Amino acid sequence: MVSLMDHSPGQRQFVNLTKYYEYYQGKYNLNDEEMAAFEQDQREKSAIWSDLNRRTIASLCHERNIPLASHDDATRAHVEESRALGLVLAEFPNTVEAAQRSHELGLKVMMGAPNVVRGGSHSGNVAAHELASLGVLDALSSDYFPSSLLDAVFRLADDERNALDLASATCLATRNPASALSLSDRGIIKEGMRADLLLVERHYEQPYVQQVWRQGRRVF
């Protein structure tokens, strides 16, 4: 799959410029003058290349039957652009509005599992648990912290603010993303499928992987 991203200032993840400055000044150790120059450079490049690159990459992916995801859509207009480009997955929508519109248009709404574990977005955007409570959370991604995926499934199943039980919360990390990406050989436990399985046990509310099978063969 391919995710179409735009991290330029004022766009999507960084609609909030304070968060943009916090992130990039911290990442590159820029002073205020250097940061202002960096922001200006990014805005100029975005004006020239953002739309062109987005459409070109989408076209190349469609030619090769590669599923496409949006990234950090923040408005209805962003979502409608994503739908018009043939995207199938809404990766980390920033607002309730964007998540709900994605859901309405058939884009599967995916949030990062670290968002669930933290209790909110590290960028100050919408919390995954809020989307779950509204019934518009379809899938989870491990994002920048792989072990958070398993933890997030159990946290969402335990969260009384939504209607997810353990089976439906598990589908956020298994069946739903597989279906969104047309991976028809995995995502459910059924004869003829890949049989990628985890045996998990909880100790003091923390899930631990006990055994792992890959394509039916135990590997851990």
N, C-alpha and C. Protein backbone atom coordinates (compact mmCIF):
# COMPACT_ATOMS: atom_id res chain seq x y z
N MET A 1 0.84 -1.19 0.00
CA MET A 1 0.00 0.00 0.00
C MET A 1 0.87 1.24 0.00
N VAL A 2 0.26 2.35 -0.36
CA VAL A 2 0.94 3.65 -0.35
C VAL A 2 0.08 4.65 0.41
N SER A 3 0.72 5.43 1.25
CA SER A 3 0.03 6.49 1.99
C SER A 3 0.47 7.84 1.45
N LEU A 4 -0.50 8.67 1.08
CA LEU A 4 -0.21 10.00 0.54
C LEU A 4 -0.15 11.01 1.68
N MET A 5 1.03 11.57 1.90
CA MET A 5 1.25 12.45 3.05
C MET A 5 1.62 13.87 2.62
N ASP A 6 1.17 14.82 3.42
CA ASP A 6 1.57 16.22 3.22
C ASP A 6 1.80 16.83 4.60
N HIS A 7 3.07 16.98 4.97
CA HIS A 7 3.41 17.51 6.29
C HIS A 7 3.85 18.97 6.23
N SER A 8 3.44 19.67 5.20
CA SER A 8 3.80 21.08 5.10
C SER A 8 3.02 21.90 6.13
N PRO A 9 3.53 23.06 6.53
CA PRO A 9 2.89 23.86 7.58
C PRO A 9 1.49 24.32 7.18
N GLY A 10 0.58 24.20 8.16
CA GLY A 10 -0.80 24.61 7.91
C GLY A 10 -1.66 23.55 7.28
N GLN A 11 -1.06 22.37 6.98
CA GLN A 11 -1.78 21.30 6.32
C GLN A 11 -1.96 20.10 7.25
N ARG A 12 -3.11 19.52 7.24
CA ARG A 12 -3.40 18.23 7.85
C ARG A 12 -2.83 18.09 9.26
N GLN A 13 -1.79 17.30 9.46
CA GLN A 13 -1.28 17.09 10.81
C GLN A 13 -0.87 18.39 11.47
N PHE A 14 -0.41 19.34 10.65
CA PHE A 14 0.13 20.58 11.22
C PHE A 14 -0.73 21.79 10.89
N VAL A 15 -2.05 21.63 10.98
CA VAL A 15 -2.94 22.79 10.92
C VAL A 15 -2.59 23.74 12.06
N ASN A 16 -2.25 23.16 13.21
CA ASN A 16 -1.82 23.92 14.38
C ASN A 16 -0.32 24.24 14.25
N LEU A 17 0.00 25.49 13.93
CA LEU A 17 1.40 25.86 13.70
C LEU A 17 2.26 25.79 14.95
N THR A 18 1.64 25.93 16.11
CA THR A 18 2.40 25.79 17.35
C THR A 18 2.98 24.39 17.44
N LYS A 19 2.18 23.38 17.11
CA LYS A 19 2.64 22.00 17.11
C LYS A 19 3.71 21.78 16.04
N TYR A 20 3.54 22.44 14.91
CA TYR A 20 4.52 22.34 13.83
C TYR A 20 5.88 22.85 14.29
N TYR A 21 5.88 24.01 14.96
CA TYR A 21 7.12 24.59 15.47
C TYR A 21 7.74 23.70 16.55
N GLU A 22 6.91 23.20 17.45
CA GLU A 22 7.42 22.35 18.51
C GLU A 22 8.11 21.11 17.93
N TYR A 23 7.47 20.52 16.93
CA TYR A 23 8.00 19.28 16.36
C TYR A 23 9.31 19.53 15.62
N TYR A 24 9.33 20.46 14.67
CA TYR A 24 10.50 20.63 13.81
C TYR A 24 11.64 21.37 14.49
N GLN A 25 11.33 22.30 15.39
CA GLN A 25 12.44 22.93 16.13
C GLN A 25 13.11 21.91 17.04
N GLY A 26 12.31 21.02 17.60
CA GLY A 26 12.89 19.96 18.43
C GLY A 26 13.66 18.95 17.61
N LYS A 27 13.14 18.61 16.44
CA LYS A 27 13.76 17.59 15.60
C LYS A 27 15.09 18.05 15.01
N TYR A 28 15.12 19.30 14.53
CA TYR A 28 16.31 19.81 13.84
C TYR A 28 17.11 20.82 14.65
N ASN A 29 16.68 21.08 15.89
CA ASN A 29 17.39 22.02 16.78
C ASN A 29 17.56 23.39 16.12
N LEU A 30 16.45 23.94 15.62
CA LEU A 30 16.47 25.23 14.92
C LEU A 30 16.13 26.37 15.88
N ASN A 31 16.80 27.50 15.71
CA ASN A 31 16.38 28.68 16.46
C ASN A 31 15.18 29.31 15.74
N ASP A 32 14.62 30.38 16.32
CA ASP A 32 13.40 30.95 15.76
C ASP A 32 13.60 31.46 14.33
N GLU A 33 14.73 32.09 14.06
CA GLU A 33 14.99 32.61 12.71
C GLU A 33 15.13 31.47 11.70
N GLU A 34 15.84 30.44 12.08
CA GLU A 34 16.02 29.28 11.20
C GLU A 34 14.69 28.58 10.97
N MET A 35 13.87 28.51 12.01
CA MET A 35 12.59 27.85 11.88
C MET A 35 11.65 28.62 10.95
N ALA A 36 11.66 29.93 11.03
CA ALA A 36 10.84 30.76 10.15
C ALA A 36 11.25 30.56 8.69
N ALA A 37 12.55 30.47 8.44
CA ALA A 37 13.05 30.23 7.08
C ALA A 37 12.66 28.84 6.60
N PHE A 38 12.73 27.86 7.49
CA PHE A 38 12.33 26.50 7.15
C PHE A 38 10.85 26.44 6.79
N GLU A 39 10.02 27.11 7.59
CA GLU A 39 8.59 27.14 7.31
C GLU A 39 8.31 27.76 5.94
N GLN A 40 8.94 28.88 5.64
CA GLN A 40 8.74 29.55 4.37
C GLN A 40 9.14 28.66 3.19
N ASP A 41 10.26 27.99 3.33
CA ASP A 41 10.73 27.08 2.28
C ASP A 41 9.74 25.96 2.04
N GLN A 42 9.21 25.40 3.13
CA GLN A 42 8.24 24.30 3.01
C GLN A 42 6.94 24.77 2.37
N ARG A 43 6.51 25.96 2.70
CA ARG A 43 5.28 26.50 2.10
C ARG A 43 5.46 26.71 0.59
N GLU A 44 6.61 27.23 0.20
CA GLU A 44 6.87 27.47 -1.22
C GLU A 44 6.93 26.17 -2.01
N LYS A 45 7.59 25.18 -1.46
CA LYS A 45 7.67 23.87 -2.14
C LYS A 45 6.30 23.20 -2.22
N SER A 46 5.52 23.34 -1.15
CA SER A 46 4.19 22.75 -1.14
C SER A 46 3.30 23.34 -2.23
N ALA A 47 3.39 24.66 -2.40
CA ALA A 47 2.56 25.32 -3.41
C ALA A 47 2.87 24.82 -4.82
N ILE A 48 4.12 24.46 -5.06
CA ILE A 48 4.53 23.98 -6.38
C ILE A 48 4.23 22.50 -6.58
N TRP A 49 4.55 21.68 -5.58
CA TRP A 49 4.61 20.25 -5.78
C TRP A 49 3.49 19.42 -5.15
N SER A 50 2.84 19.91 -4.12
CA SER A 50 1.93 19.06 -3.35
C SER A 50 0.83 18.43 -4.19
N ASP A 51 0.05 19.25 -4.87
CA ASP A 51 -1.08 18.71 -5.64
C ASP A 51 -0.61 17.84 -6.79
N LEU A 52 0.42 18.29 -7.50
CA LEU A 52 0.95 17.53 -8.63
C LEU A 52 1.45 16.16 -8.20
N ASN A 53 2.25 16.14 -7.14
CA ASN A 53 2.79 14.87 -6.65
C ASN A 53 1.69 13.93 -6.18
N ARG A 54 0.71 14.48 -5.51
CA ARG A 54 -0.39 13.68 -4.99
C ARG A 54 -1.13 12.97 -6.13
N ARG A 55 -1.46 13.71 -7.16
CA ARG A 55 -2.20 13.14 -8.28
C ARG A 55 -1.34 12.16 -9.09
N THR A 56 -0.07 12.48 -9.25
CA THR A 56 0.82 11.60 -10.00
C THR A 56 1.02 10.27 -9.29
N ILE A 57 1.26 10.32 -7.98
CA ILE A 57 1.44 9.08 -7.22
C ILE A 57 0.16 8.25 -7.22
N ALA A 58 -0.99 8.90 -7.08
CA ALA A 58 -2.26 8.17 -7.10
C ALA A 58 -2.44 7.46 -8.43
N SER A 59 -2.13 8.13 -9.52
CA SER A 59 -2.27 7.54 -10.84
C SER A 59 -1.36 6.33 -11.02
N LEU A 60 -0.11 6.47 -10.59
CA LEU A 60 0.84 5.36 -10.70
C LEU A 60 0.38 4.15 -9.88
N CYS A 61 -0.16 4.40 -8.72
CA CYS A 61 -0.62 3.30 -7.86
C CYS A 61 -1.85 2.60 -8.46
N HIS A 62 -2.77 3.37 -9.02
CA HIS A 62 -3.94 2.75 -9.64
C HIS A 62 -3.54 1.87 -10.82
N GLU A 63 -2.55 2.30 -11.58
CA GLU A 63 -2.07 1.50 -12.71
C GLU A 63 -1.53 0.15 -12.24
N ARG A 64 -1.02 0.10 -11.02
CA ARG A 64 -0.39 -1.11 -10.49
C ARG A 64 -1.25 -1.82 -9.45
N ASN A 65 -2.50 -1.37 -9.29
CA ASN A 65 -3.44 -1.97 -8.32
C ASN A 65 -2.89 -1.95 -6.89
N ILE A 66 -2.26 -0.84 -6.54
CA ILE A 66 -1.74 -0.67 -5.18
C ILE A 66 -2.75 0.15 -4.37
N PRO A 67 -3.26 -0.37 -3.25
CA PRO A 67 -4.21 0.38 -2.44
C PRO A 67 -3.59 1.66 -1.89
N LEU A 68 -4.41 2.69 -1.79
CA LEU A 68 -3.95 4.00 -1.36
C LEU A 68 -4.65 4.45 -0.08
N ALA A 69 -3.88 5.10 0.78
CA ALA A 69 -4.42 5.68 2.01
C ALA A 69 -4.19 7.18 2.01
N SER A 70 -5.15 7.92 2.55
CA SER A 70 -4.92 9.33 2.84
C SER A 70 -4.10 9.40 4.12
N HIS A 71 -3.67 10.59 4.50
CA HIS A 71 -2.90 10.72 5.74
C HIS A 71 -3.20 12.08 6.37
N ASP A 72 -3.74 12.03 7.59
CA ASP A 72 -3.97 13.25 8.36
C ASP A 72 -4.98 14.19 7.70
N ASP A 73 -6.00 13.67 7.03
CA ASP A 73 -7.05 14.55 6.52
C ASP A 73 -7.71 15.27 7.69
N ALA A 74 -7.96 16.57 7.52
CA ALA A 74 -8.49 17.38 8.61
C ALA A 74 -9.87 17.97 8.32
N THR A 75 -10.26 18.04 7.06
CA THR A 75 -11.52 18.71 6.70
C THR A 75 -12.33 17.82 5.75
N ARG A 76 -13.59 18.20 5.56
CA ARG A 76 -14.43 17.49 4.58
C ARG A 76 -13.81 17.59 3.18
N ALA A 77 -13.25 18.74 2.86
CA ALA A 77 -12.65 18.93 1.54
C ALA A 77 -11.47 17.98 1.34
N HIS A 78 -10.65 17.79 2.38
CA HIS A 78 -9.55 16.84 2.28
C HIS A 78 -10.08 15.44 1.99
N VAL A 79 -11.11 15.05 2.71
CA VAL A 79 -11.67 13.71 2.57
C VAL A 79 -12.27 13.52 1.18
N GLU A 80 -12.98 14.52 0.72
CA GLU A 80 -13.62 14.41 -0.60
C GLU A 80 -12.57 14.36 -1.71
N GLU A 81 -11.45 15.06 -1.52
CA GLU A 81 -10.34 14.95 -2.46
C GLU A 81 -9.78 13.53 -2.44
N SER A 82 -9.62 12.97 -1.25
CA SER A 82 -9.11 11.61 -1.12
C SER A 82 -10.03 10.61 -1.81
N ARG A 83 -11.32 10.78 -1.61
CA ARG A 83 -12.28 9.86 -2.25
C ARG A 83 -12.23 10.00 -3.76
N ALA A 84 -12.10 11.22 -4.26
CA ALA A 84 -12.05 11.45 -5.70
C ALA A 84 -10.82 10.82 -6.32
N LEU A 85 -9.74 10.72 -5.54
CA LEU A 85 -8.51 10.10 -6.04
C LEU A 85 -8.52 8.58 -5.91
N GLY A 86 -9.62 8.02 -5.39
CA GLY A 86 -9.75 6.57 -5.31
C GLY A 86 -9.08 5.94 -4.12
N LEU A 87 -8.89 6.69 -3.04
CA LEU A 87 -8.27 6.14 -1.85
C LEU A 87 -9.27 5.26 -1.10
N VAL A 88 -8.74 4.26 -0.37
CA VAL A 88 -9.62 3.30 0.32
C VAL A 88 -9.49 3.36 1.83
N LEU A 89 -8.43 4.00 2.32
CA LEU A 89 -8.17 4.02 3.75
C LEU A 89 -7.90 5.45 4.20
N ALA A 90 -8.53 5.86 5.30
CA ALA A 90 -8.29 7.18 5.89
C ALA A 90 -7.36 6.98 7.08
N GLU A 91 -6.08 7.26 6.85
CA GLU A 91 -5.06 7.03 7.86
C GLU A 91 -4.92 8.26 8.75
N PHE A 92 -5.29 8.11 10.01
CA PHE A 92 -5.12 9.14 11.03
C PHE A 92 -5.85 10.46 10.71
N PRO A 93 -7.14 10.44 10.42
CA PRO A 93 -7.83 11.73 10.28
C PRO A 93 -7.66 12.55 11.55
N ASN A 94 -7.54 13.85 11.39
CA ASN A 94 -7.20 14.73 12.51
C ASN A 94 -8.39 15.21 13.31
N THR A 95 -9.57 15.13 12.71
CA THR A 95 -10.77 15.70 13.34
C THR A 95 -11.93 14.72 13.27
N VAL A 96 -12.91 14.94 14.14
CA VAL A 96 -14.13 14.14 14.09
C VAL A 96 -14.81 14.34 12.74
N GLU A 97 -14.84 15.57 12.26
CA GLU A 97 -15.47 15.88 10.98
C GLU A 97 -14.87 15.05 9.85
N ALA A 98 -13.54 14.99 9.79
CA ALA A 98 -12.87 14.24 8.73
C ALA A 98 -13.12 12.74 8.87
N ALA A 99 -13.11 12.25 10.09
CA ALA A 99 -13.35 10.82 10.31
C ALA A 99 -14.77 10.43 9.92
N GLN A 100 -15.73 11.23 10.34
CA GLN A 100 -17.12 10.92 10.01
C GLN A 100 -17.38 10.98 8.51
N ARG A 101 -16.80 11.97 7.84
CA ARG A 101 -16.99 12.07 6.39
C ARG A 101 -16.30 10.91 5.67
N SER A 102 -15.12 10.51 6.14
CA SER A 102 -14.44 9.35 5.57
C SER A 102 -15.32 8.11 5.68
N HIS A 103 -15.89 7.92 6.87
CA HIS A 103 -16.76 6.76 7.11
C HIS A 103 -17.96 6.79 6.17
N GLU A 104 -18.55 7.95 6.01
CA GLU A 104 -19.71 8.10 5.12
C GLU A 104 -19.38 7.73 3.68
N LEU A 105 -18.16 8.08 3.24
CA LEU A 105 -17.78 7.88 1.85
C LEU A 105 -17.13 6.51 1.60
N GLY A 106 -17.05 5.69 2.63
CA GLY A 106 -16.55 4.34 2.46
C GLY A 106 -15.06 4.16 2.66
N LEU A 107 -14.35 5.21 3.08
CA LEU A 107 -12.94 5.05 3.42
C LEU A 107 -12.85 4.49 4.84
N LYS A 108 -12.10 3.41 5.01
CA LYS A 108 -11.94 2.82 6.34
C LYS A 108 -11.07 3.72 7.20
N VAL A 109 -11.58 4.10 8.34
CA VAL A 109 -10.89 5.04 9.22
C VAL A 109 -9.90 4.28 10.11
N MET A 110 -8.62 4.60 9.97
CA MET A 110 -7.57 3.95 10.74
C MET A 110 -6.87 4.96 11.65
N MET A 111 -6.69 4.58 12.88
CA MET A 111 -5.97 5.41 13.84
C MET A 111 -4.77 4.64 14.39
N GLY A 112 -3.80 5.37 14.91
CA GLY A 112 -2.61 4.75 15.47
C GLY A 112 -2.87 4.16 16.84
N ALA A 113 -2.39 2.96 17.06
CA ALA A 113 -2.52 2.34 18.37
C ALA A 113 -1.84 3.15 19.48
N PRO A 114 -0.71 3.83 19.22
CA PRO A 114 -0.14 4.67 20.28
C PRO A 114 -1.09 5.77 20.75
N ASN A 115 -1.95 6.25 19.86
CA ASN A 115 -2.97 7.23 20.23
C ASN A 115 -3.89 6.66 21.31
N VAL A 116 -4.25 5.38 21.15
CA VAL A 116 -5.11 4.72 22.16
C VAL A 116 -4.36 4.58 23.48
N VAL A 117 -3.13 4.11 23.41
CA VAL A 117 -2.35 3.86 24.63
C VAL A 117 -2.07 5.16 25.38
N ARG A 118 -1.75 6.22 24.66
CA ARG A 118 -1.49 7.53 25.27
C ARG A 118 -2.76 8.19 25.81
N GLY A 119 -3.89 7.82 25.22
CA GLY A 119 -5.15 8.47 25.56
C GLY A 119 -5.43 9.67 24.68
N GLY A 120 -4.59 9.89 23.65
CA GLY A 120 -4.78 11.01 22.75
C GLY A 120 -3.63 11.13 21.77
N SER A 121 -3.76 12.04 20.83
CA SER A 121 -2.75 12.24 19.78
C SER A 121 -1.55 13.02 20.30
N HIS A 122 -0.33 12.62 19.90
CA HIS A 122 0.86 13.36 20.30
C HIS A 122 0.94 14.70 19.57
N SER A 123 0.13 14.87 18.52
CA SER A 123 0.12 16.13 17.77
C SER A 123 -1.03 17.05 18.18
N GLY A 124 -1.80 16.64 19.18
CA GLY A 124 -2.91 17.46 19.64
C GLY A 124 -4.17 17.31 18.81
N ASN A 125 -4.25 16.25 17.99
CA ASN A 125 -5.43 16.04 17.15
C ASN A 125 -6.43 15.12 17.85
N VAL A 126 -7.44 14.64 17.12
CA VAL A 126 -8.53 13.90 17.74
C VAL A 126 -8.01 12.59 18.35
N ALA A 127 -8.63 12.18 19.45
CA ALA A 127 -8.25 10.94 20.13
C ALA A 127 -8.96 9.75 19.49
N ALA A 128 -8.25 8.63 19.37
CA ALA A 128 -8.82 7.43 18.78
C ALA A 128 -10.02 6.93 19.57
N HIS A 129 -9.96 7.04 20.90
CA HIS A 129 -11.09 6.54 21.70
C HIS A 129 -12.36 7.34 21.42
N GLU A 130 -12.22 8.62 21.04
CA GLU A 130 -13.40 9.42 20.71
C GLU A 130 -14.04 8.90 19.44
N LEU A 131 -13.23 8.57 18.44
CA LEU A 131 -13.78 8.02 17.21
C LEU A 131 -14.42 6.66 17.45
N ALA A 132 -13.81 5.86 18.33
CA ALA A 132 -14.41 4.56 18.67
C ALA A 132 -15.77 4.75 19.33
N SER A 133 -15.89 5.74 20.20
CA SER A 133 -17.17 5.99 20.88
C SER A 133 -18.24 6.47 19.92
N LEU A 134 -17.82 7.07 18.79
CA LEU A 134 -18.76 7.55 17.78
C LEU A 134 -19.05 6.49 16.72
N GLY A 135 -18.39 5.35 16.81
CA GLY A 135 -18.63 4.26 15.87
C GLY A 135 -17.99 4.47 14.51
N VAL A 136 -16.94 5.28 14.43
CA VAL A 136 -16.30 5.55 13.14
C VAL A 136 -14.82 5.15 13.13
N LEU A 137 -14.42 4.25 14.02
CA LEU A 137 -13.06 3.72 14.02
C LEU A 137 -13.10 2.33 13.42
N ASP A 138 -12.40 2.11 12.30
CA ASP A 138 -12.47 0.85 11.58
C ASP A 138 -11.20 0.01 11.71
N ALA A 139 -10.06 0.64 11.94
CA ALA A 139 -8.80 -0.10 11.94
C ALA A 139 -7.76 0.58 12.81
N LEU A 140 -6.79 -0.21 13.24
CA LEU A 140 -5.66 0.30 14.03
C LEU A 140 -4.36 0.02 13.30
N SER A 141 -3.41 0.93 13.45
CA SER A 141 -2.05 0.76 12.93
C SER A 141 -1.10 0.82 14.10
N SER A 142 0.02 0.07 14.01
CA SER A 142 1.02 0.12 15.08
C SER A 142 1.74 1.47 15.09
N ASP A 143 1.75 2.18 13.94
CA ASP A 143 2.36 3.49 13.80
C ASP A 143 3.82 3.44 14.29
N TYR A 144 4.22 4.33 15.20
CA TYR A 144 5.63 4.44 15.57
C TYR A 144 6.02 3.54 16.75
N PHE A 145 5.08 2.70 17.24
CA PHE A 145 5.37 1.88 18.43
C PHE A 145 4.69 0.53 18.26
N PRO A 146 5.35 -0.45 17.61
CA PRO A 146 4.71 -1.71 17.23
C PRO A 146 3.99 -2.45 18.35
N SER A 147 4.57 -2.50 19.53
CA SER A 147 3.94 -3.28 20.60
C SER A 147 2.65 -2.65 21.11
N SER A 148 2.39 -1.41 20.72
CA SER A 148 1.16 -0.76 21.18
C SER A 148 -0.10 -1.36 20.56
N LEU A 149 0.05 -2.06 19.45
CA LEU A 149 -1.12 -2.57 18.73
C LEU A 149 -1.92 -3.55 19.58
N LEU A 150 -1.25 -4.49 20.19
CA LEU A 150 -1.93 -5.47 21.04
C LEU A 150 -2.53 -4.79 22.27
N ASP A 151 -1.78 -3.90 22.87
CA ASP A 151 -2.25 -3.18 24.05
C ASP A 151 -3.51 -2.37 23.72
N ALA A 152 -3.52 -1.72 22.56
CA ALA A 152 -4.65 -0.88 22.17
C ALA A 152 -5.92 -1.68 21.99
N VAL A 153 -5.80 -2.88 21.45
CA VAL A 153 -6.98 -3.73 21.27
C VAL A 153 -7.67 -3.97 22.60
N PHE A 154 -6.91 -4.34 23.61
CA PHE A 154 -7.49 -4.62 24.92
C PHE A 154 -8.00 -3.35 25.60
N ARG A 155 -7.28 -2.25 25.44
CA ARG A 155 -7.75 -1.00 26.04
C ARG A 155 -9.10 -0.56 25.47
N LEU A 156 -9.24 -0.69 24.16
CA LEU A 156 -10.52 -0.32 23.55
C LEU A 156 -11.64 -1.26 23.98
N ALA A 157 -11.33 -2.55 24.11
CA ALA A 157 -12.34 -3.51 24.56
C ALA A 157 -12.77 -3.23 26.00
N ASP A 158 -11.87 -2.70 26.80
CA ASP A 158 -12.16 -2.39 28.21
C ASP A 158 -12.84 -1.03 28.40
N ASP A 159 -12.79 -0.19 27.37
CA ASP A 159 -13.25 1.19 27.49
C ASP A 159 -14.77 1.25 27.41
N GLU A 160 -15.40 1.67 28.50
CA GLU A 160 -16.87 1.72 28.55
C GLU A 160 -17.46 2.86 27.72
N ARG A 161 -16.61 3.71 27.17
CA ARG A 161 -17.11 4.83 26.36
C ARG A 161 -17.50 4.39 24.95
N ASN A 162 -17.17 3.16 24.57
CA ASN A 162 -17.56 2.68 23.25
C ASN A 162 -18.28 1.34 23.37
N ALA A 163 -18.77 0.83 22.26
CA ALA A 163 -19.54 -0.42 22.26
C ALA A 163 -18.71 -1.62 21.82
N LEU A 164 -17.38 -1.50 21.81
CA LEU A 164 -16.53 -2.58 21.33
C LEU A 164 -16.32 -3.65 22.40
N ASP A 165 -16.58 -4.92 22.03
CA ASP A 165 -16.14 -6.01 22.89
C ASP A 165 -14.78 -6.49 22.38
N LEU A 166 -14.22 -7.53 23.00
CA LEU A 166 -12.87 -7.94 22.62
C LEU A 166 -12.81 -8.43 21.17
N ALA A 167 -13.85 -9.14 20.73
CA ALA A 167 -13.85 -9.65 19.35
C ALA A 167 -13.87 -8.50 18.34
N SER A 168 -14.73 -7.51 18.56
CA SER A 168 -14.83 -6.41 17.61
C SER A 168 -13.60 -5.50 17.68
N ALA A 169 -13.02 -5.36 18.87
CA ALA A 169 -11.78 -4.58 18.99
C ALA A 169 -10.63 -5.28 18.28
N THR A 170 -10.60 -6.62 18.37
CA THR A 170 -9.56 -7.39 17.68
C THR A 170 -9.66 -7.21 16.17
N CYS A 171 -10.88 -7.12 15.66
CA CYS A 171 -11.08 -6.94 14.22
C CYS A 171 -10.45 -5.64 13.70
N LEU A 172 -10.27 -4.66 14.59
CA LEU A 172 -9.62 -3.41 14.18
C LEU A 172 -8.18 -3.63 13.76
N ALA A 173 -7.56 -4.69 14.26
CA ALA A 173 -6.16 -4.97 13.93
C ALA A 173 -6.01 -6.19 13.03
N THR A 174 -7.11 -6.82 12.65
CA THR A 174 -7.02 -8.06 11.88
C THR A 174 -7.92 -8.00 10.64
N ARG A 175 -9.18 -8.33 10.81
CA ARG A 175 -10.09 -8.45 9.67
C ARG A 175 -10.26 -7.14 8.92
N ASN A 176 -10.48 -6.05 9.62
CA ASN A 176 -10.82 -4.79 8.95
C ASN A 176 -9.69 -4.24 8.07
N PRO A 177 -8.45 -4.14 8.59
CA PRO A 177 -7.39 -3.66 7.70
C PRO A 177 -7.11 -4.61 6.54
N ALA A 178 -7.22 -5.92 6.78
CA ALA A 178 -7.01 -6.88 5.69
C ALA A 178 -8.06 -6.67 4.59
N SER A 179 -9.30 -6.47 5.02
CA SER A 179 -10.38 -6.26 4.05
C SER A 179 -10.17 -4.96 3.28
N ALA A 180 -9.78 -3.89 3.98
CA ALA A 180 -9.59 -2.59 3.33
C ALA A 180 -8.53 -2.66 2.25
N LEU A 181 -7.50 -3.49 2.45
CA LEU A 181 -6.40 -3.59 1.52
C LEU A 181 -6.53 -4.78 0.57
N SER A 182 -7.73 -5.41 0.57
CA SER A 182 -8.02 -6.55 -0.32
C SER A 182 -7.07 -7.71 -0.11
N LEU A 183 -6.64 -7.92 1.13
CA LEU A 183 -5.81 -9.08 1.47
C LEU A 183 -6.75 -10.20 1.90
N SER A 184 -7.23 -10.94 0.92
CA SER A 184 -8.31 -11.90 1.15
C SER A 184 -7.86 -13.21 1.76
N ASP A 185 -6.56 -13.37 1.99
CA ASP A 185 -6.05 -14.64 2.54
C ASP A 185 -5.76 -14.56 4.04
N ARG A 186 -6.17 -13.48 4.69
CA ARG A 186 -5.83 -13.29 6.11
C ARG A 186 -6.87 -12.40 6.80
N GLY A 187 -6.74 -12.29 8.11
CA GLY A 187 -7.59 -11.38 8.86
C GLY A 187 -8.66 -12.06 9.68
N ILE A 188 -8.98 -13.33 9.35
CA ILE A 188 -9.96 -14.09 10.12
C ILE A 188 -9.44 -15.51 10.32
N ILE A 189 -9.99 -16.18 11.34
CA ILE A 189 -9.63 -17.58 11.59
C ILE A 189 -10.64 -18.45 10.84
N LYS A 190 -10.18 -19.07 9.77
CA LYS A 190 -11.06 -19.85 8.90
C LYS A 190 -10.21 -20.81 8.08
N GLU A 191 -10.75 -21.97 7.79
CA GLU A 191 -10.04 -22.95 6.97
C GLU A 191 -9.63 -22.34 5.63
N GLY A 192 -8.36 -22.56 5.25
CA GLY A 192 -7.87 -22.03 3.98
C GLY A 192 -7.17 -20.68 4.09
N MET A 193 -7.28 -20.03 5.24
CA MET A 193 -6.61 -18.74 5.44
C MET A 193 -5.17 -18.97 5.91
N ARG A 194 -4.41 -17.88 6.07
CA ARG A 194 -2.98 -17.99 6.37
C ARG A 194 -2.66 -18.60 7.74
N ALA A 195 -3.56 -18.48 8.67
CA ALA A 195 -3.33 -18.98 10.03
C ALA A 195 -2.13 -18.32 10.69
N ASP A 196 -2.12 -16.98 10.63
CA ASP A 196 -1.17 -16.19 11.42
C ASP A 196 -1.86 -15.89 12.75
N LEU A 197 -1.39 -16.49 13.82
CA LEU A 197 -2.13 -16.47 15.08
C LEU A 197 -1.25 -16.06 16.25
N LEU A 198 -1.88 -15.39 17.21
CA LEU A 198 -1.23 -15.08 18.49
C LEU A 198 -2.03 -15.71 19.62
N LEU A 199 -1.34 -16.28 20.58
CA LEU A 199 -1.95 -16.68 21.83
C LEU A 199 -1.52 -15.67 22.89
N VAL A 200 -2.50 -14.98 23.48
CA VAL A 200 -2.21 -13.87 24.37
C VAL A 200 -2.81 -14.13 25.75
N GLU A 201 -2.08 -13.76 26.76
CA GLU A 201 -2.57 -13.88 28.14
C GLU A 201 -2.34 -12.55 28.84
N ARG A 202 -3.28 -12.18 29.70
CA ARG A 202 -3.15 -10.92 30.43
C ARG A 202 -2.68 -11.17 31.86
N HIS A 203 -1.76 -10.33 32.29
CA HIS A 203 -1.30 -10.33 33.68
C HIS A 203 -1.44 -8.91 34.20
N TYR A 204 -2.26 -8.74 35.24
CA TYR A 204 -2.49 -7.41 35.81
C TYR A 204 -2.88 -6.40 34.73
N GLU A 205 -3.82 -6.82 33.88
CA GLU A 205 -4.39 -6.00 32.81
C GLU A 205 -3.44 -5.74 31.64
N GLN A 206 -2.23 -6.28 31.66
CA GLN A 206 -1.29 -6.09 30.57
C GLN A 206 -1.24 -7.36 29.71
N PRO A 207 -1.52 -7.25 28.39
CA PRO A 207 -1.47 -8.44 27.53
C PRO A 207 -0.04 -8.82 27.17
N TYR A 208 0.25 -10.12 27.20
CA TYR A 208 1.55 -10.65 26.82
C TYR A 208 1.37 -11.74 25.78
N VAL A 209 2.20 -11.74 24.76
CA VAL A 209 2.16 -12.78 23.75
C VAL A 209 2.81 -14.04 24.31
N GLN A 210 2.07 -15.16 24.28
CA GLN A 210 2.58 -16.43 24.78
C GLN A 210 3.12 -17.32 23.68
N GLN A 211 2.41 -17.35 22.55
CA GLN A 211 2.83 -18.17 21.42
C GLN A 211 2.43 -17.48 20.12
N VAL A 212 3.18 -17.79 19.04
CA VAL A 212 2.92 -17.20 17.73
C VAL A 212 2.99 -18.30 16.67
N TRP A 213 2.01 -18.27 15.75
CA TRP A 213 2.04 -19.15 14.59
C TRP A 213 2.05 -18.30 13.32
N ARG A 214 2.90 -18.67 12.39
CA ARG A 214 2.95 -18.00 11.07
C ARG A 214 2.60 -19.04 10.01
N GLN A 215 1.49 -18.77 9.30
CA GLN A 215 0.97 -19.70 8.30
C GLN A 215 0.84 -21.12 8.87
N GLY A 216 0.32 -21.17 10.10
CA GLY A 216 0.05 -22.45 10.74
C GLY A 216 1.23 -23.11 11.41
N ARG A 217 2.42 -22.53 11.30
CA ARG A 217 3.62 -23.11 11.88
C ARG A 217 4.05 -22.29 13.07
N ARG A 218 4.23 -22.96 14.21
CA ARG A 218 4.61 -22.23 15.42
C ARG A 218 6.03 -21.72 15.29
N VAL A 219 6.20 -20.40 15.53
CA VAL A 219 7.51 -19.76 15.41
C VAL A 219 7.97 -19.14 16.73
N PHE A 220 7.12 -19.17 17.76
CA PHE A 220 7.50 -18.62 19.06
C PHE A 220 6.69 -19.32 20.15
